[in-house]
Protein backbone atom coordinates (compact mmCIF):
# COMPACT_ATOMS: atom_id res chain seq x y z
CA MET A 1 -0.04 -6.26 -16.78
CA LYS A 2 1.98 -9.27 -16.25
CA MET A 3 2.60 -10.57 -12.79
CA LYS A 4 6.35 -10.62 -13.60
CA THR A 5 7.04 -7.45 -15.08
CA MET A 6 5.01 -6.21 -11.46
CA LEU A 7 7.60 -7.93 -9.52
CA LYS A 8 10.25 -6.40 -11.09
CA LEU A 9 8.60 -3.05 -10.86
CA ILE A 10 8.06 -3.65 -7.20
CA ALA A 11 11.84 -5.15 -6.89
CA VAL A 12 12.87 -1.47 -8.03
CA VAL A 13 10.88 -0.08 -5.46
CA VAL A 14 12.44 -1.69 -2.82
CA LEU A 15 15.78 -1.23 -4.31
CA VAL A 16 15.59 2.87 -4.05
CA ILE A 17 13.84 2.52 -0.64
CA PHE A 18 16.97 0.20 1.08
CA ALA A 19 19.46 1.84 -1.07
CA LEU A 20 18.31 5.20 0.49
CA SER A 21 18.13 4.05 3.95
CA VAL A 22 21.76 2.40 4.17
CA LEU A 23 23.74 5.05 1.77
CA PRO A 24 23.60 7.63 4.74
CA MET A 25 25.84 4.70 6.68
CA ALA A 26 27.91 3.46 3.12
CA LEU A 27 29.22 7.00 2.96
CA ALA A 28 30.40 7.69 6.43
CA GLU A 29 32.07 4.46 6.72
CA ASP A 30 34.67 6.19 5.50
CA THR A 31 35.35 8.48 9.34
CA THR A 32 35.86 6.92 12.47
CA PRO A 33 33.12 7.84 15.29
CA GLY A 34 34.83 10.87 16.13
CA GLU A 35 35.23 12.56 13.11
CA GLY A 36 31.44 12.92 12.02
CA LYS A 37 30.89 15.97 14.57
CA GLU A 38 34.60 17.82 12.46
CA LYS A 39 32.94 17.64 9.75
CA THR A 40 32.75 20.57 7.74
CA LYS A 41 30.01 22.30 6.10
CA GLU A 42 31.65 21.76 2.65
CA GLN A 43 31.49 17.98 3.46
CA LYS A 44 29.04 17.69 4.81
CA GLN A 45 27.19 19.02 1.44
CA GLU A 46 29.03 16.75 -0.82
CA LEU A 47 27.62 13.74 1.50
CA THR A 48 24.26 15.09 0.52
CA GLU A 49 24.92 15.84 -2.78
CA LYS A 50 26.09 12.38 -3.12
CA LEU A 51 22.72 10.80 -1.43
CA LEU A 52 20.40 13.01 -3.72
CA GLU A 53 22.55 11.67 -6.57
CA LYS A 54 22.40 8.51 -6.25
CA LYS A 55 18.59 8.96 -4.82
CA LYS A 56 17.93 10.99 -8.97
CA GLU A 57 19.77 7.36 -10.51
CA LEU A 58 17.58 5.16 -8.87
CA ILE A 59 14.63 6.74 -9.58
CA SER A 60 15.39 7.58 -13.20
CA THR A 61 16.12 3.48 -13.12
CA LEU A 62 12.43 2.87 -12.08
CA GLU A 63 11.31 5.53 -15.04
CA GLU A 64 13.10 3.99 -17.68
CA LYS A 65 10.85 0.72 -16.24
CA ARG A 66 8.22 2.03 -16.14
CA GLN A 67 8.40 3.64 -19.61
CA ASN A 68 9.84 0.66 -21.32
CA GLN A 69 6.07 -0.68 -20.26
CA TYR A 70 5.02 2.24 -21.82
CA GLU A 71 6.66 2.20 -24.75
CA PHE A 72 5.49 -2.07 -24.43
CA PHE A 73 1.96 -1.14 -24.93
CA LYS A 74 2.24 1.56 -27.46
CA GLU A 75 3.79 -0.50 -29.49
CA LYS A 76 1.17 -3.66 -29.21
CA ILE A 77 -2.21 -0.94 -29.41
CA GLU A 78 -0.05 0.13 -33.16
CA VAL A 79 0.53 -3.35 -34.22
CA ALA A 80 -3.02 -4.22 -33.07
CA LYS A 81 -4.22 -1.00 -35.59
CA LYS A 82 -2.51 -1.83 -38.42
CA ARG A 83 -4.08 -5.73 -38.35
CA TYR A 84 -7.27 -4.13 -37.86
CA GLU A 85 -6.50 -1.71 -40.60
CA PHE A 86 -6.15 -4.74 -42.81
CA GLN A 87 -8.81 -6.86 -41.91
CA LYS A 88 -10.64 -3.53 -42.45
CA GLN A 89 -9.40 -2.98 -46.11
CA GLU A 90 -9.91 -6.49 -46.81
CA LEU A 91 -13.69 -6.97 -45.84
CA GLU A 92 -14.15 -4.02 -47.78
CA THR A 93 -12.66 -5.86 -50.61
CA ALA A 94 -15.03 -8.81 -49.97
CA ASN A 95 -18.25 -6.84 -50.02
CA GLU A 96 -16.95 -5.22 -53.22
CA LYS A 97 -16.86 -8.37 -55.55
CA SER A 98 -20.37 -9.11 -53.04
CA GLN A 99 -22.15 -6.72 -54.18
CA ALA A 100 -20.75 -6.62 -57.51
CA CYS A 101 -22.17 -10.35 -58.21
CA LYS A 102 -25.56 -9.37 -56.12
CA ARG A 103 -26.14 -6.61 -59.28
CA GLU A 104 -25.11 -8.65 -61.94
CA GLY A 105 -27.73 -10.55 -60.29
CA LYS A 106 -25.85 -13.69 -60.74
CA ASN A 107 -26.09 -16.97 -58.35
CA SER A 108 -23.75 -19.25 -58.87
CA THR A 109 -21.16 -21.32 -57.70
CA GLU A 110 -18.35 -18.97 -57.36
CA CYS A 111 -21.09 -15.87 -56.21
CA GLN A 112 -21.76 -18.50 -53.33
CA GLU A 113 -18.19 -18.37 -52.54
CA LYS A 114 -17.94 -14.32 -53.18
CA LYS A 115 -20.49 -14.45 -49.99
CA LEU A 116 -19.43 -16.26 -47.47
CA GLU A 117 -15.57 -14.98 -48.26
CA LEU A 118 -17.74 -11.92 -47.41
CA LYS A 119 -18.89 -13.48 -43.86
CA ARG A 120 -15.61 -14.79 -42.92
CA GLY A 121 -14.52 -11.37 -43.53
CA VAL A 122 -16.96 -9.78 -40.72
CA LYS A 123 -15.73 -12.62 -38.67
CA GLN A 124 -12.71 -11.51 -38.91
CA HIS A 125 -12.63 -8.01 -38.74
CA LEU A 126 -15.04 -8.77 -35.00
CA LEU A 127 -11.91 -10.94 -34.18
CA LYS A 128 -9.28 -7.95 -34.93
CA THR A 129 -11.84 -5.38 -33.48
CA VAL A 130 -11.11 -7.35 -30.25
CA GLU A 131 -7.93 -7.69 -30.20
CA LEU A 132 -7.90 -4.36 -30.58
CA ILE A 133 -10.19 -3.16 -27.70
CA ASP A 134 -8.09 -5.25 -25.22
CA SER A 135 -4.79 -4.14 -26.40
CA SER A 136 -6.04 -0.26 -25.64
CA LEU A 137 -7.84 -1.80 -22.07
CA GLN A 138 -4.07 -3.42 -21.46
CA ARG A 139 -2.83 -0.13 -22.02
CA ILE A 140 -4.57 1.55 -19.58
CA ILE A 141 -3.95 -1.07 -17.15
CA GLU A 142 -0.70 -0.43 -17.49
CA ARG A 143 -1.18 3.09 -16.59
CA VAL A 144 -3.46 2.70 -13.54
CA GLU A 145 -1.29 -0.65 -11.79
CA ASN A 146 1.75 2.51 -12.48
CA SER A 147 0.17 5.21 -10.85
CA ASN A 148 1.24 6.89 -8.29
CA VAL A 149 -1.39 9.09 -8.03
CA LEU A 150 -4.17 7.32 -6.93
CA ALA A 151 -5.05 6.37 -3.62
CA GLU A 152 -5.12 2.32 -2.52
CA GLU A 153 -8.84 2.14 -2.83
CA GLN A 154 -9.54 3.74 -5.76
CA GLN A 155 -6.65 2.26 -7.63
CA LYS A 156 -9.07 -1.33 -6.43
CA GLU A 157 -12.18 0.72 -7.85
CA VAL A 158 -11.07 1.48 -11.03
CA LEU A 159 -9.07 -1.46 -11.66
CA ALA A 160 -12.26 -3.65 -10.80
CA SER A 161 -14.07 -1.03 -13.50
CA LEU A 162 -11.94 -2.35 -16.41
CA GLN A 163 -12.32 -5.89 -14.75
CA THR A 164 -15.36 -5.66 -15.84
CA GLN A 165 -14.80 -4.69 -19.26
CA GLU A 166 -12.31 -7.12 -20.14
CA GLU A 167 -15.01 -9.82 -18.86
CA ARG A 168 -17.23 -8.59 -21.03
CA LEU A 169 -14.80 -8.62 -24.23
CA THR A 170 -13.64 -11.70 -23.50
CA ALA A 171 -17.57 -12.96 -23.67
CA GLN A 172 -17.92 -11.14 -26.64
CA LYS A 173 -14.45 -12.49 -28.26
CA LEU A 174 -15.91 -16.33 -27.30
CA LYS A 175 -19.15 -15.37 -29.35
CA VAL A 176 -17.99 -14.28 -32.88
CA GLU A 177 -15.38 -16.89 -31.91
CA THR A 178 -18.38 -19.34 -32.25
CA LEU A 179 -20.11 -18.13 -35.63
CA VAL A 180 -19.83 -20.12 -38.47
CA ASP A 181 -19.64 -19.23 -41.65
CA THR A 182 -22.96 -20.13 -42.67
CA ALA A 183 -24.28 -17.58 -39.98
CA THR A 184 -26.93 -15.53 -40.89
CA ASN A 185 -27.52 -11.65 -41.78
CA ASP A 186 -29.57 -11.38 -38.78
CA GLU A 187 -26.65 -13.20 -36.73
CA LEU A 188 -24.30 -11.03 -38.14
CA ARG A 189 -25.54 -7.74 -37.56
CA VAL A 190 -26.12 -8.74 -33.55
CA ALA A 191 -22.53 -9.74 -33.47
CA ILE A 192 -21.86 -5.93 -34.90
CA LYS A 193 -24.17 -3.82 -32.56
CA GLU A 194 -22.96 -6.13 -28.91
CA LEU A 195 -19.00 -5.55 -30.19
CA LYS A 196 -19.82 -1.85 -30.57
CA ASP A 197 -21.91 -1.58 -27.66
CA THR A 198 -18.82 -2.80 -26.29
CA TRP A 199 -16.67 -0.59 -27.31
CA ARG A 200 -18.60 2.34 -26.84
CA GLU A 201 -18.82 1.45 -22.90
CA VAL A 202 -14.77 0.45 -23.08
CA ARG A 203 -14.38 3.98 -24.29
CA LYS A 204 -16.28 5.99 -21.69
CA VAL A 205 -14.58 3.93 -18.92
CA GLN A 206 -11.40 4.74 -19.78
CA GLN A 207 -11.90 8.73 -20.78
CA ARG A 208 -13.03 8.54 -17.33
CA ILE A 209 -10.09 6.83 -15.92
CA ILE A 210 -7.73 9.39 -17.32
CA VAL A 211 -9.72 11.99 -16.55
CA GLN A 212 -9.12 10.74 -12.77
CA LEU A 213 -5.86 9.91 -13.18
CA ILE A 214 -5.60 13.66 -14.50
CA ASN A 215 -7.75 15.06 -11.68
CA SER A 216 -5.07 12.99 -9.08
CA LYS A 217 -1.39 13.58 -10.63
CA LEU A 218 -2.71 17.95 -10.95
CA ASP A 219 -3.80 17.86 -6.57
CA VAL A 220 0.06 16.17 -5.68
CA LEU A 221 1.38 18.50 -8.45
CA VAL A 222 -0.34 21.04 -6.57
CA SER A 223 0.11 20.19 -3.00
CA LYS A 224 3.38 20.50 -4.08
CA HIS A 225 3.93 24.53 -3.77
CA ASP A 226 3.42 24.89 -0.40
CA GLU A 227 6.73 23.46 -0.09
CA TYR A 228 8.32 25.88 -2.78
CA TYR A 229 6.51 28.39 -0.97
CA SER A 230 8.95 27.61 2.23
CA ALA A 231 11.85 26.97 -0.16
CA MET A 232 11.58 30.48 -2.00
CA GLU A 233 10.97 32.15 2.23
CA MET A 234 14.18 30.63 3.71
CA ARG A 235 16.21 31.94 0.54
CA ILE A 236 15.03 35.30 1.02
CA ASP A 237 15.96 34.68 4.90
CA TYR A 238 19.15 33.90 3.99
CA LEU A 239 20.37 36.53 2.03
CA ASN A 240 18.28 39.20 3.92
CA LYS A 241 20.74 37.73 6.62
CA LYS A 242 24.34 38.46 4.32
CA GLY A 243 23.09 42.08 3.72
CA VAL A 244 21.60 41.71 0.51
CA ASP A 245 18.57 43.84 -1.23
CA VAL A 246 15.73 40.92 -1.62
CA THR A 247 12.93 43.19 -2.46
CA GLY A 248 12.87 41.97 -5.70
CA LEU A 249 13.04 38.32 -4.75
CA THR A 250 10.02 38.67 -1.94
CA ALA A 251 7.74 40.84 -4.71
CA LEU A 252 8.21 37.57 -6.66
CA ALA A 253 7.19 35.48 -3.36
CA ASP A 254 4.19 37.30 -2.92
CA GLN A 255 3.19 36.52 -6.91
CA PHE A 256 3.79 33.13 -6.71
CA LYS A 257 2.03 32.98 -3.16
CA GLN A 258 -1.40 35.05 -5.38
CA GLN A 259 -0.46 31.73 -8.07
CA VAL A 260 -0.58 29.20 -5.59
CA ASP A 261 -3.92 30.54 -4.10
CA GLN A 262 -5.41 31.60 -7.19
CA LEU A 263 -3.91 27.69 -8.55
CA LYS A 264 -5.87 25.83 -5.23
CA ALA A 265 -9.24 27.78 -6.06
CA ASP A 266 -8.92 26.25 -9.82
CA LEU A 267 -8.15 22.97 -8.67
CA LYS A 268 -10.92 22.78 -6.49
CA ALA A 269 -13.08 23.76 -9.28
CA ALA A 270 -11.11 20.66 -11.52
CA GLU A 271 -12.55 18.78 -8.57
CA ASP A 272 -15.80 19.90 -7.76
CA ALA A 273 -16.62 19.70 -11.90
CA TRP A 274 -15.26 15.79 -12.02
CA ALA A 275 -17.55 14.88 -8.94
CA TYR A 276 -20.66 16.21 -10.99
CA ALA A 277 -19.35 14.93 -13.64
CA LYS A 278 -18.73 11.15 -12.73
CA ASP A 279 -22.28 9.38 -14.15
CA ARG A 280 -22.41 12.05 -17.00
CA GLU A 281 -21.59 11.23 -20.21
CA ASP A 282 -20.29 14.91 -21.32
CA LEU A 283 -16.92 15.73 -19.82
CA SER A 284 -16.46 19.00 -21.15
CA GLU A 285 -16.54 21.04 -18.18
CA VAL A 286 -14.38 18.99 -16.14
CA HIS A 287 -11.72 19.18 -18.92
CA ASP A 288 -12.23 22.64 -19.38
CA ALA A 289 -11.62 22.94 -15.54
CA GLN A 290 -8.13 20.48 -15.69
CA GLN A 291 -6.97 22.68 -19.14
CA LYS A 292 -7.02 26.21 -16.59
CA VAL A 293 -5.51 24.22 -13.76
CA ARG A 294 -2.32 23.85 -16.14
CA GLU A 295 -1.73 26.70 -17.26
CA ASP A 296 -1.98 28.07 -13.36
CA LEU A 297 1.11 25.47 -13.08
CA GLU A 298 2.83 26.94 -16.05
CA ALA A 299 2.57 30.58 -14.83
CA THR A 300 3.35 29.06 -11.07
CA ARG A 301 6.43 26.94 -13.15
CA GLU A 302 7.89 30.48 -15.25
CA THR A 303 7.40 32.24 -11.48
CA LEU A 304 9.01 30.09 -9.68
CA LYS A 305 12.00 29.68 -12.16
CA GLU A 306 12.46 33.61 -12.26
CA PHE A 307 12.77 33.82 -8.19
CA LEU A 308 15.55 31.23 -8.69
CA GLN A 309 17.52 33.28 -11.70
CA LYS A 310 17.17 36.13 -9.53
CA TYR A 311 18.03 34.52 -6.31
CA ARG A 312 21.38 32.86 -8.16
CA GLU A 313 22.13 36.62 -9.64
CA LEU A 314 22.28 37.67 -5.87
CA ALA A 315 23.84 34.58 -4.30
CA LYS A 316 26.72 34.30 -7.01
CA ASN A 317 29.33 35.83 -4.58
CA LEU A 318 27.88 34.58 -1.73
CA LYS A 319 28.38 30.40 -0.29
CA MET A 320 24.50 28.83 -1.33
CA PRO A 321 22.94 26.95 1.13
CA ALA A 322 24.08 23.25 1.58
CA GLY A 323 19.31 22.82 0.67
CA ASP A 324 19.92 25.22 -2.80
CA ARG A 325 18.97 22.58 -4.68
CA ASN A 326 15.97 21.50 -3.49
CA LEU A 327 14.18 24.65 -5.30
CA SER A 328 13.43 23.63 -8.59
CA THR A 329 10.23 24.64 -11.03
CA THR A 330 7.59 22.85 -11.23
């Protein structure tokens, strides 16, 4: 990612932190020093809601910038793919013409030119392949740099591995660019093989990074579930004190707790599968384990959604606690 883009994103993050730190004071400016203690619960709730709304707006701005970066690299890859496919067709056409001359046993100046055209086509095809690989690398680098689920050391390690691939690709590009039109078939075969090996290695590194990013993201999502369960208990306690029958809510909370226990166990299995497969080619076991965690997350989301619906039905004739909006589905 370009440094200018990174600075913009950092500036937005700083803005979010700063705004959230000063907003409570800004909202309190309309009151005199003695009014704070006399604020009613409704006024405090309104203040909290304004703070949360402002927080959402600022985070939304950050997410929009991240999405713009994602779209930029996505479009860049699409352009590279189109150029690659176009050059591939051009190469196939040049190859057909060269093969036609060969079948007819011609050795005219025209046929020699067609052979040179084929070699030039091979060189251009290799350069477009380099461009495609580079676009793919830039996209994964952008994802890692913008990731908020990787620890700092993990991020540095991943970026270092990607930099190694960038350097390898740059060296490969220089080799291709130095190929002359009269390069021998053996020289072309070596260049093709080296680039294929580079592409294979880059794809392997990318796949492993994506698996690592997914694992880290799942870990973040799972870690929030204890907070959700505590919020559920708080809602149950609130209604119970109001004399509301909370039997149904309690059953849902117990169900949610059991699902969370299973979720944590399956996340541990996914992490173990990743640790085992780190240096292996086959990542199918990791993918299967991650899919199981996704299914668990869907189950907890549905239970939490059902809990919220039931809670709102029971509480609709009561004054809702100020923090009710903080409990949301995963």
